[in-house]
Amino acid sequence: MSFWKTLKPAQTAPKPTAVELSSDRATVSLTWSDGRSTGVTARALRVACPCAGCVDEWSGKRTLDPTTVPADTVITTVSPVGNYALCFTFGDGHATGLYVFDLLRALSEGSTTRA
C-alpha cells in the first residue's frame, strides 16, 4: 500500500444549507449539511463581529463595546461570501464582518436561541 493511501481524508466542516431570518429579523436559523439546526440572535452576531472595526487587527482584542449594541438589534440582509462565509447587514448599518462557517457554527451553537 502506498503512503498516500494510508492518509485519511480530512473531514469537511459542515456548511449551511439553509439560512432564514425570523419575521422580526432578530434571529437567524441555520440548517447545516450534517443535518443539525441552530439559531443565533442578531445581537449575538453583532457583538461577535470579526471585522477590523470591531477587533484590533494586531492584538486580536475586541474593540466593540458590547454595551453599545442594543438588545433589539436586527439584521436587514444576509449575503453569501464565496463558499466559506456569510455577511450580515445590521440595522445600525454595520456590514463589514465576514462570518466564516466555523465561526457561525460556534456562535449559533453557543447561543441561547436554537432553531
PDB file of N, CA and C in Angstrom:
ATOM      1  N   MET A   1       0.854  -1.184   0.000  1.00  0.00           N
ATOM      2  CA  MET A   1       0.000   0.000   0.000  1.00  0.00           C
ATOM      3  C   MET A   1       0.892   1.237   0.000  1.00  0.00           C
ATOM      4  N   SER A   2       0.524   2.208  -0.809  1.00  0.00           N
ATOM      5  CA  SER A   2       1.330   3.426  -0.887  1.00  0.00           C
ATOM      6  C   SER A   2       1.072   4.322   0.326  1.00  0.00           C
ATOM      7  N   PHE A   3       2.017   5.198   0.552  1.00  0.00           N
ATOM      8  CA  PHE A   3       1.911   6.156   1.653  1.00  0.00           C
ATOM      9  C   PHE A   3       0.632   6.984   1.541  1.00  0.00           C
ATOM     10  N   TRP A   4       0.297   7.441   0.343  1.00  0.00           N
ATOM     11  CA  TRP A   4      -0.848   8.317   0.141  1.00  0.00           C
ATOM     12  C   TRP A   4      -2.166   7.637   0.474  1.00  0.00           C
ATOM     13  N   LYS A   5      -2.233   6.320   0.274  1.00  0.00           N
ATOM     14  CA  LYS A   5      -3.464   5.597   0.573  1.00  0.00           C
ATOM     15  C   LYS A   5      -3.661   5.402   2.069  1.00  0.00           C
ATOM     16  N   THR A   6      -2.585   5.572   2.832  1.00  0.00           N
ATOM     17  CA  THR A   6      -2.714   5.417   4.286  1.00  0.00           C
ATOM     18  C   THR A   6      -3.236   6.675   4.955  1.00  0.00           C
ATOM     19  N   LEU A   7      -3.164   7.791   4.255  1.00  0.00           N
ATOM     20  CA  LEU A   7      -3.659   9.050   4.823  1.00  0.00           C
ATOM     21  C   LEU A   7      -5.179   9.077   4.776  1.00  0.00           C
ATOM     22  N   LYS A   8      -5.765   9.491   5.860  1.00  0.00           N
ATOM     23  CA  LYS A   8      -7.221   9.629   5.889  1.00  0.00           C
ATOM     24  C   LYS A   8      -7.600  10.993   5.335  1.00  0.00           C
ATOM     25  N   PRO A   9      -8.622  11.043   4.521  1.00  0.00           N
ATOM     26  CA  PRO A   9      -9.059  12.360   4.036  1.00  0.00           C
ATOM     27  C   PRO A   9      -9.592  13.194   5.197  1.00  0.00           C
ATOM     28  N   ALA A  10      -9.327  14.460   5.139  1.00  0.00           N
ATOM     29  CA  ALA A  10      -9.814  15.367   6.181  1.00  0.00           C
ATOM     30  C   ALA A  10     -11.330  15.474   6.085  1.00  0.00           C
ATOM     31  N   GLN A  11     -11.966  15.457   7.247  1.00  0.00           N
ATOM     32  CA  GLN A  11     -13.412  15.638   7.251  1.00  0.00           C
ATOM     33  C   GLN A  11     -13.726  17.077   6.862  1.00  0.00           C
ATOM     34  N   THR A  12     -14.750  17.223   6.067  1.00  0.00           N
ATOM     35  CA  THR A  12     -15.147  18.573   5.695  1.00  0.00           C
ATOM     36  C   THR A  12     -16.056  19.129   6.778  1.00  0.00           C
ATOM     37  N   ALA A  13     -15.864  20.383   7.084  1.00  0.00           N
ATOM     38  CA  ALA A  13     -16.681  21.042   8.096  1.00  0.00           C
ATOM     39  C   ALA A  13     -18.093  21.259   7.547  1.00  0.00           C
ATOM     40  N   PRO A  14     -19.092  21.203   8.418  1.00  0.00           N
ATOM     41  CA  PRO A  14     -20.465  21.445   7.953  1.00  0.00           C
ATOM     42  C   PRO A  14     -20.615  22.848   7.369  1.00  0.00           C
ATOM     43  N   LYS A  15     -21.480  22.946   6.368  1.00  0.00           N
ATOM     44  CA  LYS A  15     -21.799  24.225   5.742  1.00  0.00           C
ATOM     45  C   LYS A  15     -23.297  24.458   5.848  1.00  0.00           C
ATOM     46  N   PRO A  16     -23.716  25.713   5.923  1.00  0.00           N
ATOM     47  CA  PRO A  16     -25.156  25.977   5.954  1.00  0.00           C
ATOM     48  C   PRO A  16     -25.816  25.568   4.635  1.00  0.00           C
ATOM     49  N   THR A  17     -26.930  24.895   4.747  1.00  0.00           N
ATOM     50  CA  THR A  17     -27.705  24.548   3.554  1.00  0.00           C
ATOM     51  C   THR A  17     -28.958  25.407   3.459  1.00  0.00           C
ATOM     52  N   ALA A  18     -29.331  26.045   4.571  1.00  0.00           N
ATOM     53  CA  ALA A  18     -30.475  26.966   4.586  1.00  0.00           C
ATOM     54  C   ALA A  18     -30.241  28.014   5.662  1.00  0.00           C
ATOM     55  N   VAL A  19     -30.577  29.252   5.333  1.00  0.00           N
ATOM     56  CA  VAL A  19     -30.456  30.374   6.264  1.00  0.00           C
ATOM     57  C   VAL A  19     -31.777  31.131   6.220  1.00  0.00           C
ATOM     58  N   GLU A  20     -32.405  31.300   7.381  1.00  0.00           N
ATOM     59  CA  GLU A  20     -33.689  32.003   7.430  1.00  0.00           C
ATOM     60  C   GLU A  20     -33.681  33.047   8.533  1.00  0.00           C
ATOM     61  N   LEU A  21     -34.194  34.220   8.201  1.00  0.00           N
ATOM     62  CA  LEU A  21     -34.394  35.267   9.200  1.00  0.00           C
ATOM     63  C   LEU A  21     -35.784  35.119   9.790  1.00  0.00           C
ATOM     64  N   SER A  22     -35.899  35.349  11.085  1.00  0.00           N
ATOM     65  CA  SER A  22     -37.219  35.344  11.712  1.00  0.00           C
ATOM     66  C   SER A  22     -38.014  36.536  11.184  1.00  0.00           C
ATOM     67  N   SER A  23     -39.314  36.513  11.382  1.00  0.00           N
ATOM     68  CA  SER A  23     -40.164  37.586  10.855  1.00  0.00           C
ATOM     69  C   SER A  23     -39.798  38.948  11.441  1.00  0.00           C
ATOM     70  N   ASP A  24     -39.297  38.975  12.675  1.00  0.00           N
ATOM     71  CA  ASP A  24     -38.891  40.246  13.277  1.00  0.00           C
ATOM     72  C   ASP A  24     -37.432  40.597  12.976  1.00  0.00           C
ATOM     73  N   ARG A  25     -36.751  39.727  12.215  1.00  0.00           N
ATOM     74  CA  ARG A  25     -35.364  39.913  11.793  1.00  0.00           C
ATOM     75  C   ARG A  25     -34.378  39.943  12.951  1.00  0.00           C
ATOM     76  N   ALA A  26     -34.767  39.390  14.088  1.00  0.00           N
ATOM     77  CA  ALA A  26     -33.908  39.400  15.272  1.00  0.00           C
ATOM     78  C   ALA A  26     -33.176  38.079  15.485  1.00  0.00           C
ATOM     79  N   THR A  27     -33.523  37.048  14.716  1.00  0.00           N
ATOM     80  CA  THR A  27     -32.920  35.731  14.877  1.00  0.00           C
ATOM     81  C   THR A  27     -32.645  35.119  13.504  1.00  0.00           C
ATOM     82  N   VAL A  28     -31.521  34.438  13.406  1.00  0.00           N
ATOM     83  CA  VAL A  28     -31.166  33.701  12.196  1.00  0.00           C
ATOM     84  C   VAL A  28     -31.220  32.212  12.536  1.00  0.00           C
ATOM     85  N   SER A  29     -31.942  31.457  11.717  1.00  0.00           N
ATOM     86  CA  SER A  29     -31.983  29.999  11.851  1.00  0.00           C
ATOM     87  C   SER A  29     -31.147  29.402  10.732  1.00  0.00           C
ATOM     88  N   LEU A  30     -30.321  28.425  11.090  1.00  0.00           N
ATOM     89  CA  LEU A  30     -29.423  27.806  10.123  1.00  0.00           C
ATOM     90  C   LEU A  30     -29.634  26.299  10.111  1.00  0.00           C
ATOM     91  N   THR A  31     -29.688  25.735   8.930  1.00  0.00           N
ATOM     92  CA  THR A  31     -29.679  24.289   8.770  1.00  0.00           C
ATOM     93  C   THR A  31     -28.338  23.952   8.143  1.00  0.00           C
ATOM     94  N   TRP A  32     -27.671  22.930   8.686  1.00  0.00           N
ATOM     95  CA  TRP A  32     -26.311  22.596   8.276  1.00  0.00           C
ATOM     96  C   TRP A  32     -26.279  21.304   7.468  1.00  0.00           C
ATOM     97  N   SER A  33     -25.212  21.124   6.716  1.00  0.00           N
ATOM     98  CA  SER A  33     -25.060  19.957   5.852  1.00  0.00           C
ATOM     99  C   SER A  33     -24.999  18.647   6.630  1.00  0.00           C
ATOM    100  N   ASP A  34     -24.723  18.710   7.927  1.00  0.00           N
ATOM    101  CA  ASP A  34     -24.726  17.492   8.746  1.00  0.00           C
ATOM    102  C   ASP A  34     -26.099  17.223   9.364  1.00  0.00           C
ATOM    103  N   GLY A  35     -27.107  18.022   8.961  1.00  0.00           N
ATOM    104  CA  GLY A  35     -28.472  17.819   9.429  1.00  0.00           C
ATOM    105  C   GLY A  35     -28.841  18.581  10.685  1.00  0.00           C
ATOM    106  N   ARG A  36     -27.899  19.193  11.326  1.00  0.00           N
ATOM    107  CA  ARG A  36     -28.157  19.937  12.560  1.00  0.00           C
ATOM    108  C   ARG A  36     -28.811  21.276  12.236  1.00  0.00           C
ATOM    109  N   SER A  37     -29.681  21.739  13.137  1.00  0.00           N
ATOM    110  CA  SER A  37     -30.288  23.074  13.034  1.00  0.00           C
ATOM    111  C   SER A  37     -29.865  23.886  14.238  1.00  0.00           C
ATOM    112  N   THR A  38     -29.453  25.120  13.984  1.00  0.00           N
ATOM    113  CA  THR A  38     -29.028  26.007  15.065  1.00  0.00           C
ATOM    114  C   THR A  38     -29.636  27.383  14.839  1.00  0.00           C
ATOM    115  N   GLY A  39     -29.522  28.224  15.837  1.00  0.00           N
ATOM    116  CA  GLY A  39     -30.025  29.581  15.716  1.00  0.00           C
ATOM    117  C   GLY A  39     -29.182  30.537  16.528  1.00  0.00           C
ATOM    118  N   VAL A  40     -29.228  31.797  16.143  1.00  0.00           N
ATOM    119  CA  VAL A  40     -28.453  32.815  16.838  1.00  0.00           C
ATOM    120  C   VAL A  40     -29.158  34.155  16.678  1.00  0.00           C
ATOM    121  N   THR A  41     -29.068  34.983  17.701  1.00  0.00           N
ATOM    122  CA  THR A  41     -29.717  36.289  17.642  1.00  0.00           C
ATOM    123  C   THR A  41     -28.864  37.282  16.850  1.00  0.00           C
ATOM    124  N   ALA A  42     -29.531  38.261  16.304  1.00  0.00           N
ATOM    125  CA  ALA A  42     -28.833  39.321  15.576  1.00  0.00           C
ATOM    126  C   ALA A  42     -27.862  40.044  16.512  1.00  0.00           C
ATOM    127  N   ARG A  43     -28.276  40.265  17.740  1.00  0.00           N
ATOM    128  CA  ARG A  43     -27.407  40.953  18.698  1.00  0.00           C
ATOM    129  C   ARG A  43     -26.140  40.144  18.965  1.00  0.00           C
ATOM    130  N   ALA A  44     -26.277  38.836  19.143  1.00  0.00           N
ATOM    131  CA  ALA A  44     -25.105  37.989  19.394  1.00  0.00           C
ATOM    132  C   ALA A  44     -24.141  38.046  18.209  1.00  0.00           C
ATOM    133  N   LEU A  45     -24.682  38.043  17.000  1.00  0.00           N
ATOM    134  CA  LEU A  45     -23.832  38.157  15.818  1.00  0.00           C
ATOM    135  C   LEU A  45     -23.132  39.503  15.769  1.00  0.00           C
ATOM    136  N   ARG A  46     -23.868  40.568  16.058  1.00  0.00           N
ATOM    137  CA  ARG A  46     -23.283  41.924  16.006  1.00  0.00           C
ATOM    138  C   ARG A  46     -22.187  42.089  17.042  1.00  0.00           C
ATOM    139  N   VAL A  47     -22.413  41.566  18.255  1.00  0.00           N
ATOM    140  CA  VAL A  47     -21.413  41.664  19.324  1.00  0.00           C
ATOM    141  C   VAL A  47     -20.153  40.882  18.960  1.00  0.00           C
ATOM    142  N   ALA A  48     -20.302  39.781  18.247  1.00  0.00           N
ATOM    143  CA  ALA A  48     -19.171  38.927  17.896  1.00  0.00           C
ATOM    144  C   ALA A  48     -18.557  39.265  16.542  1.00  0.00           C
ATOM    145  N   CYS A  49     -18.914  40.388  15.973  1.00  0.00           N
ATOM    146  CA  CYS A  49     -18.424  40.744  14.642  1.00  0.00           C
ATOM    147  C   CYS A  49     -16.893  40.645  14.576  1.00  0.00           C
ATOM    148  N   PRO A  50     -16.382  39.916  13.566  1.00  0.00           N
ATOM    149  CA  PRO A  50     -14.931  39.724  13.465  1.00  0.00           C
ATOM    150  C   PRO A  50     -14.189  40.762  12.628  1.00  0.00           C
ATOM    151  N   CYS A  51     -14.860  41.835  12.206  1.00  0.00           N
ATOM    152  CA  CYS A  51     -14.211  42.790  11.298  1.00  0.00           C
ATOM    153  C   CYS A  51     -13.148  43.628  12.012  1.00  0.00           C
ATOM    154  N   ALA A  52     -12.322  44.296  11.216  1.00  0.00           N
ATOM    155  CA  ALA A  52     -11.233  45.118  11.753  1.00  0.00           C
ATOM    156  C   ALA A  52     -11.736  46.326  12.530  1.00  0.00           C
ATOM    157  N   GLY A  53     -12.972  46.728  12.306  1.00  0.00           N
ATOM    158  CA  GLY A  53     -13.538  47.829  13.071  1.00  0.00           C
ATOM    159  C   GLY A  53     -14.009  47.410  14.460  1.00  0.00           C
ATOM    160  N   CYS A  54     -14.185  46.113  14.649  1.00  0.00           N
ATOM    161  CA  CYS A  54     -14.683  45.594  15.931  1.00  0.00           C
ATOM    162  C   CYS A  54     -13.620  44.811  16.703  1.00  0.00           C
ATOM    163  N   VAL A  55     -12.543  44.428  16.014  1.00  0.00           N
ATOM    164  CA  VAL A  55     -11.448  43.679  16.631  1.00  0.00           C
ATOM    165  C   VAL A  55     -10.139  44.289  16.150  1.00  0.00           C
ATOM    166  N   ASP A  56      -9.235  44.609  17.082  1.00  0.00           N
ATOM    167  CA  ASP A  56      -7.937  45.155  16.707  1.00  0.00           C
ATOM    168  C   ASP A  56      -7.175  44.115  15.895  1.00  0.00           C
ATOM    169  N   GLU A  57      -6.721  44.502  14.710  1.00  0.00           N
ATOM    170  CA  GLU A  57      -6.044  43.564  13.813  1.00  0.00           C
ATOM    171  C   GLU A  57      -4.713  43.050  14.348  1.00  0.00           C
ATOM    172  N   TRP A  58      -4.045  43.837  15.150  1.00  0.00           N
ATOM    173  CA  TRP A  58      -2.724  43.438  15.648  1.00  0.00           C
ATOM    174  C   TRP A  58      -2.808  42.611  16.910  1.00  0.00           C
ATOM    175  N   SER A  59      -3.646  43.018  17.833  1.00  0.00           N
ATOM    176  CA  SER A  59      -3.698  42.322  19.125  1.00  0.00           C
ATOM    177  C   SER A  59      -4.808  41.275  19.186  1.00  0.00           C
ATOM    178  N   GLY A  60      -5.807  41.391  18.324  1.00  0.00           N
ATOM    179  CA  GLY A  60      -6.958  40.491  18.388  1.00  0.00           C
ATOM    180  C   GLY A  60      -7.945  40.890  19.468  1.00  0.00           C
ATOM    181  N   LYS A  61      -7.679  42.017  20.136  1.00  0.00           N
ATOM    182  CA  LYS A  61      -8.551  42.484  21.215  1.00  0.00           C
ATOM    183  C   LYS A  61      -9.828  43.076  20.630  1.00  0.00           C
ATOM    184  N   ARG A  62     -10.943  42.706  21.226  1.00  0.00           N
ATOM    185  CA  ARG A  62     -12.233  43.228  20.790  1.00  0.00           C
ATOM    186  C   ARG A  62     -12.311  44.703  21.145  1.00  0.00           C
ATOM    187  N   THR A  63     -12.624  45.540  20.157  1.00  0.00           N
ATOM    188  CA  THR A  63     -12.724  46.982  20.385  1.00  0.00           C
ATOM    189  C   THR A  63     -14.175  47.443  20.465  1.00  0.00           C
ATOM    190  N   LEU A  64     -15.102  46.604  20.004  1.00  0.00           N
ATOM    191  CA  LEU A  64     -16.517  46.933  20.100  1.00  0.00           C
ATOM    192  C   LEU A  64     -16.982  46.702  21.531  1.00  0.00           C
ATOM    193  N   ASP A  65     -17.568  47.719  22.135  1.00  0.00           N
ATOM    194  CA  ASP A  65     -18.118  47.605  23.481  1.00  0.00           C
ATOM    195  C   ASP A  65     -19.509  46.969  23.366  1.00  0.00           C
ATOM    196  N   PRO A  66     -19.698  45.745  23.893  1.00  0.00           N
ATOM    197  CA  PRO A  66     -20.989  45.065  23.764  1.00  0.00           C
ATOM    198  C   PRO A  66     -22.165  45.853  24.341  1.00  0.00           C
ATOM    199  N   THR A  67     -21.891  46.730  25.304  1.00  0.00           N
ATOM    200  CA  THR A  67     -22.990  47.501  25.907  1.00  0.00           C
ATOM    201  C   THR A  67     -23.559  48.535  24.938  1.00  0.00           C
ATOM    202  N   THR A  68     -22.839  48.790  23.843  1.00  0.00           N
ATOM    203  CA  THR A  68     -23.331  49.763  22.861  1.00  0.00           C
ATOM    204  C   THR A  68     -24.236  49.112  21.810  1.00  0.00           C
ATOM    205  N   VAL A  69     -24.352  47.794  21.849  1.00  0.00           N
ATOM    206  CA  VAL A  69     -25.191  47.079  20.888  1.00  0.00           C
ATOM    207  C   VAL A  69     -26.571  46.875  21.519  1.00  0.00           C
ATOM    208  N   PRO A  70     -27.608  47.486  20.948  1.00  0.00           N
ATOM    209  CA  PRO A  70     -28.944  47.394  21.543  1.00  0.00           C
ATOM    210  C   PRO A  70     -29.499  45.969  21.549  1.00  0.00           C
ATOM    211  N   ALA A  71     -30.323  45.677  22.527  1.00  0.00           N
ATOM    212  CA  ALA A  71     -30.964  44.369  22.635  1.00  0.00           C
ATOM    213  C   ALA A  71     -31.870  44.088  21.442  1.00  0.00           C
ATOM    214  N   ASP A  72     -32.417  45.141  20.838  1.00  0.00           N
ATOM    215  CA  ASP A  72     -33.344  44.966  19.714  1.00  0.00           C
ATOM    216  C   ASP A  72     -32.659  45.054  18.344  1.00  0.00           C
ATOM    217  N   THR A  73     -31.374  44.707  18.287  1.00  0.00           N
ATOM    218  CA  THR A  73     -30.630  44.708  17.030  1.00  0.00           C
ATOM    219  C   THR A  73     -31.288  43.758  16.028  1.00  0.00           C
ATOM    220  N   VAL A  74     -31.352  44.188  14.781  1.00  0.00           N
ATOM    221  CA  VAL A  74     -31.943  43.363  13.722  1.00  0.00           C
ATOM    222  C   VAL A  74     -30.957  43.218  12.567  1.00  0.00           C
ATOM    223  N   ILE A  75     -31.245  42.250  11.721  1.00  0.00           N
ATOM    224  CA  ILE A  75     -30.473  42.025  10.501  1.00  0.00           C
ATOM    225  C   ILE A  75     -31.342  42.445   9.331  1.00  0.00           C
ATOM    226  N   THR A  76     -30.805  43.289   8.466  1.00  0.00           N
ATOM    227  CA  THR A  76     -31.591  43.732   7.319  1.00  0.00           C
ATOM    228  C   THR A  76     -31.339  42.874   6.086  1.00  0.00           C
ATOM    229  N   THR A  77     -30.089  42.381   5.910  1.00  0.00           N
ATOM    230  CA  THR A  77     -29.798  41.487   4.788  1.00  0.00           C
ATOM    231  C   THR A  77     -28.759  40.440   5.195  1.00  0.00           C
ATOM    232  N   VAL A  78     -28.800  39.321   4.496  1.00  0.00           N
ATOM    233  CA  VAL A  78     -27.808  38.252   4.637  1.00  0.00           C
ATOM    234  C   VAL A  78     -27.292  37.954   3.236  1.00  0.00           C
ATOM    235  N   SER A  79     -25.971  37.938   3.080  1.00  0.00           N
ATOM    236  CA  SER A  79     -25.374  37.685   1.767  1.00  0.00           C
ATOM    237  C   SER A  79     -24.299  36.607   1.883  1.00  0.00           C
ATOM    238  N   PRO A  80     -24.254  35.681   0.932  1.00  0.00           N
ATOM    239  CA  PRO A  80     -23.158  34.708   0.933  1.00  0.00           C
ATOM    240  C   PRO A  80     -21.866  35.362   0.465  1.00  0.00           C
ATOM    241  N   VAL A  81     -20.760  34.872   0.990  1.00  0.00           N
ATOM    242  CA  VAL A  81     -19.431  35.315   0.562  1.00  0.00           C
ATOM    243  C   VAL A  81     -18.698  34.059   0.105  1.00  0.00           C
ATOM    244  N   GLY A  82     -18.605  33.882  -1.187  1.00  0.00           N
ATOM    245  CA  GLY A  82     -17.988  32.669  -1.717  1.00  0.00           C
ATOM    246  C   GLY A  82     -18.676  31.433  -1.173  1.00  0.00           C
ATOM    247  N   ASN A  83     -17.884  30.414  -0.917  1.00  0.00           N
ATOM    248  CA  ASN A  83     -18.384  29.172  -0.335  1.00  0.00           C
ATOM    249  C   ASN A  83     -17.871  28.988   1.079  1.00  0.00           C
ATOM    250  N   TYR A  84     -17.619  30.121   1.779  1.00  0.00           N
ATOM    251  CA  TYR A  84     -16.986  29.987   3.085  1.00  0.00           C
ATOM    252  C   TYR A  84     -17.549  30.898   4.174  1.00  0.00           C
ATOM    253  N   ALA A  85     -18.413  31.846   3.847  1.00  0.00           N
ATOM    254  CA  ALA A  85     -18.844  32.802   4.858  1.00  0.00           C
ATOM    255  C   ALA A  85     -20.188  33.430   4.502  1.00  0.00           C
ATOM    256  N   LEU A  86     -20.768  34.102   5.499  1.00  0.00           N
ATOM    257  CA  LEU A  86     -21.945  34.936   5.295  1.00  0.00           C
ATOM    258  C   LEU A  86     -21.615  36.333   5.794  1.00  0.00           C
ATOM    259  N   CYS A  87     -22.235  37.321   5.165  1.00  0.00           N
ATOM    260  CA  CYS A  87     -22.099  38.711   5.593  1.00  0.00           C
ATOM    261  C   CYS A  87     -23.488  39.209   5.959  1.00  0.00           C
ATOM    262  N   PHE A  88     -23.597  39.807   7.120  1.00  0.00           N
ATOM    263  CA  PHE A  88     -24.869  40.341   7.599  1.00  0.00           C
ATOM    264  C   PHE A  88     -24.817  41.864   7.584  1.00  0.00           C
ATOM    265  N   THR A  89     -25.908  42.483   7.192  1.00  0.00           N
ATOM    266  CA  THR A  89     -26.065  43.924   7.356  1.00  0.00           C
ATOM    267  C   THR A  89     -27.028  44.105   8.516  1.00  0.00           C
ATOM    268  N   PHE A  90     -26.587  44.854   9.499  1.00  0.00           N
ATOM    269  CA  PHE A  90     -27.383  45.060  10.709  1.00  0.00           C
ATOM    270  C   PHE A  90     -28.161  46.365  10.622  1.00  0.00           C
ATOM    271  N   GLY A  91     -29.139  46.497  11.476  1.00  0.00           N
ATOM    272  CA  GLY A  91     -29.990  47.675  11.498  1.00  0.00           C
ATOM    273  C   GLY A  91     -29.226  48.973  11.709  1.00  0.00           C
ATOM    274  N   ASP A  92     -28.046  48.903  12.342  1.00  0.00           N
ATOM    275  CA  ASP A  92     -27.241  50.110  12.554  1.00  0.00           C
ATOM    276  C   ASP A  92     -26.382  50.439  11.333  1.00  0.00           C
ATOM    277  N   GLY A  93     -26.532  49.643  10.250  1.00  0.00           N
ATOM    278  CA  GLY A  93     -25.782  49.890   9.028  1.00  0.00           C
ATOM    279  C   GLY A  93     -24.463  49.137   8.939  1.00  0.00           C
ATOM    280  N   HIS A  94     -24.048  48.514  10.015  1.00  0.00           N
ATOM    281  CA  HIS A  94     -22.772  47.792  10.022  1.00  0.00           C
ATOM    282  C   HIS A  94     -22.870  46.572   9.111  1.00  0.00           C
ATOM    283  N   ALA A  95     -21.871  46.400   8.230  1.00  0.00           N
ATOM    284  CA  ALA A  95     -21.930  45.298   7.259  1.00  0.00           C
ATOM    285  C   ALA A  95     -20.553  44.819   6.822  1.00  0.00           C
ATOM    286  N   THR A  96     -19.537  44.958   7.671  1.00  0.00           N
ATOM    287  CA  THR A  96     -18.184  44.622   7.219  1.00  0.00           C
ATOM    288  C   THR A  96     -17.655  43.304   7.775  1.00  0.00           C
ATOM    289  N   GLY A  97     -18.400  42.643   8.630  1.00  0.00           N
ATOM    290  CA  GLY A  97     -17.929  41.373   9.185  1.00  0.00           C
ATOM    291  C   GLY A  97     -18.200  40.207   8.261  1.00  0.00           C
ATOM    292  N   LEU A  98     -17.193  39.369   8.062  1.00  0.00           N
ATOM    293  CA  LEU A  98     -17.368  38.132   7.317  1.00  0.00           C
ATOM    294  C   LEU A  98     -17.389  36.990   8.329  1.00  0.00           C
ATOM    295  N   TYR A  99     -18.518  36.328   8.415  1.00  0.00           N
ATOM    296  CA  TYR A  99     -18.710  35.250   9.385  1.00  0.00           C
ATOM    297  C   TYR A  99     -18.435  33.924   8.688  1.00  0.00           C
ATOM    298  N   VAL A 100     -17.188  33.434   8.807  1.00  0.00           N
ATOM    299  CA  VAL A 100     -16.841  32.154   8.198  1.00  0.00           C
ATOM    300  C   VAL A 100     -17.693  31.078   8.850  1.00  0.00           C
ATOM    301  N   PHE A 101     -17.922  29.994   8.129  1.00  0.00           N
ATOM    302  CA  PHE A 101     -18.866  28.986   8.599  1.00  0.00           C
ATOM    303  C   PHE A 101     -18.495  28.400   9.958  1.00  0.00           C
ATOM    304  N   ASP A 102     -17.197  28.183  10.228  1.00  0.00           N
ATOM    305  CA  ASP A 102     -16.799  27.652  11.542  1.00  0.00           C
ATOM    306  C   ASP A 102     -17.197  28.605  12.660  1.00  0.00           C
ATOM    307  N   LEU A 103     -16.980  29.901  12.461  1.00  0.00           N
ATOM    308  CA  LEU A 103     -17.370  30.894  13.461  1.00  0.00           C
ATOM    309  C   LEU A 103     -18.883  30.926  13.618  1.00  0.00           C
ATOM    310  N   LEU A 104     -19.584  30.917  12.513  1.00  0.00           N
ATOM    311  CA  LEU A 104     -21.041  30.963  12.541  1.00  0.00           C
ATOM    312  C   LEU A 104     -21.610  29.743  13.266  1.00  0.00           C
ATOM    313  N   ARG A 105     -21.032  28.599  13.026  1.00  0.00           N
ATOM    314  CA  ARG A 105     -21.487  27.386  13.712  1.00  0.00           C
ATOM    315  C   ARG A 105     -21.241  27.510  15.207  1.00  0.00           C
ATOM    316  N   ALA A 106     -20.057  27.963  15.588  1.00  0.00           N
ATOM    317  CA  ALA A 106     -19.731  28.109  17.013  1.00  0.00           C
ATOM    318  C   ALA A 106     -20.655  29.112  17.685  1.00  0.00           C
ATOM    319  N   LEU A 107     -20.905  30.238  17.036  1.00  0.00           N
ATOM    320  CA  LEU A 107     -21.787  31.249  17.617  1.00  0.00           C
ATOM    321  C   LEU A 107     -23.215  30.726  17.745  1.00  0.00           C
ATOM    322  N   SER A 108     -23.684  30.026  16.732  1.00  0.00           N
ATOM    323  CA  SER A 108     -25.066  29.565  16.754  1.00  0.00           C
ATOM    324  C   SER A 108     -25.252  28.385  17.698  1.00  0.00           C
ATOM    325  N   GLU A 109     -24.226  27.601  17.932  1.00  0.00           N
ATOM    326  CA  GLU A 109     -24.325  26.509  18.915  1.00  0.00           C
ATOM    327  C   GLU A 109     -24.194  27.042  20.332  1.00  0.00           C
ATOM    328  N   GLY A 110     -23.498  28.159  20.493  1.00  0.00           N
ATOM    329  CA  GLY A 110     -23.317  28.731  21.813  1.00  0.00           C
ATOM    330  C   GLY A 110     -24.435  29.667  22.226  1.00  0.00           C
ATOM    331  N   SER A 111     -25.319  29.983  21.302  1.00  0.00           N
ATOM    332  CA  SER A 111     -26.414  30.912  21.571  1.00  0.00           C
ATOM    333  C   SER A 111     -27.500  30.240  22.392  1.00  0.00           C
ATOM    334  N   THR A 112     -28.234  31.035  23.136  1.00  0.00           N
ATOM    335  CA  THR A 112     -29.360  30.501  23.887  1.00  0.00           C
ATOM    336  C   THR A 112     -30.577  30.332  23.002  1.00  0.00           C
ATOM    337  N   THR A 113     -30.527  30.863  21.790  1.00  0.00           N
ATOM    338  CA  THR A 113     -31.637  30.747  20.849  1.00  0.00           C
ATOM    339  C   THR A 113     -31.319  29.638  19.863  1.00  0.00           C
ATOM    340  N   ARG A 114     -32.102  28.598  19.862  1.00  0.00           N
ATOM    341  CA  ARG A 114     -31.911  27.464  18.957  1.00  0.00           C
ATOM    342  C   ARG A 114     -33.051  27.392  17.971  1.00  0.00           C
ATOM    343  N   ALA A 115     -32.744  26.893  16.805  1.00  0.00           N
ATOM    344  CA  ALA A 115     -33.795  26.688  15.803  1.00  0.00           C
ATOM    345  C   ALA A 115     -34.535  25.416  16.112  1.00  0.00           C
TER     346      ALA A 115
END
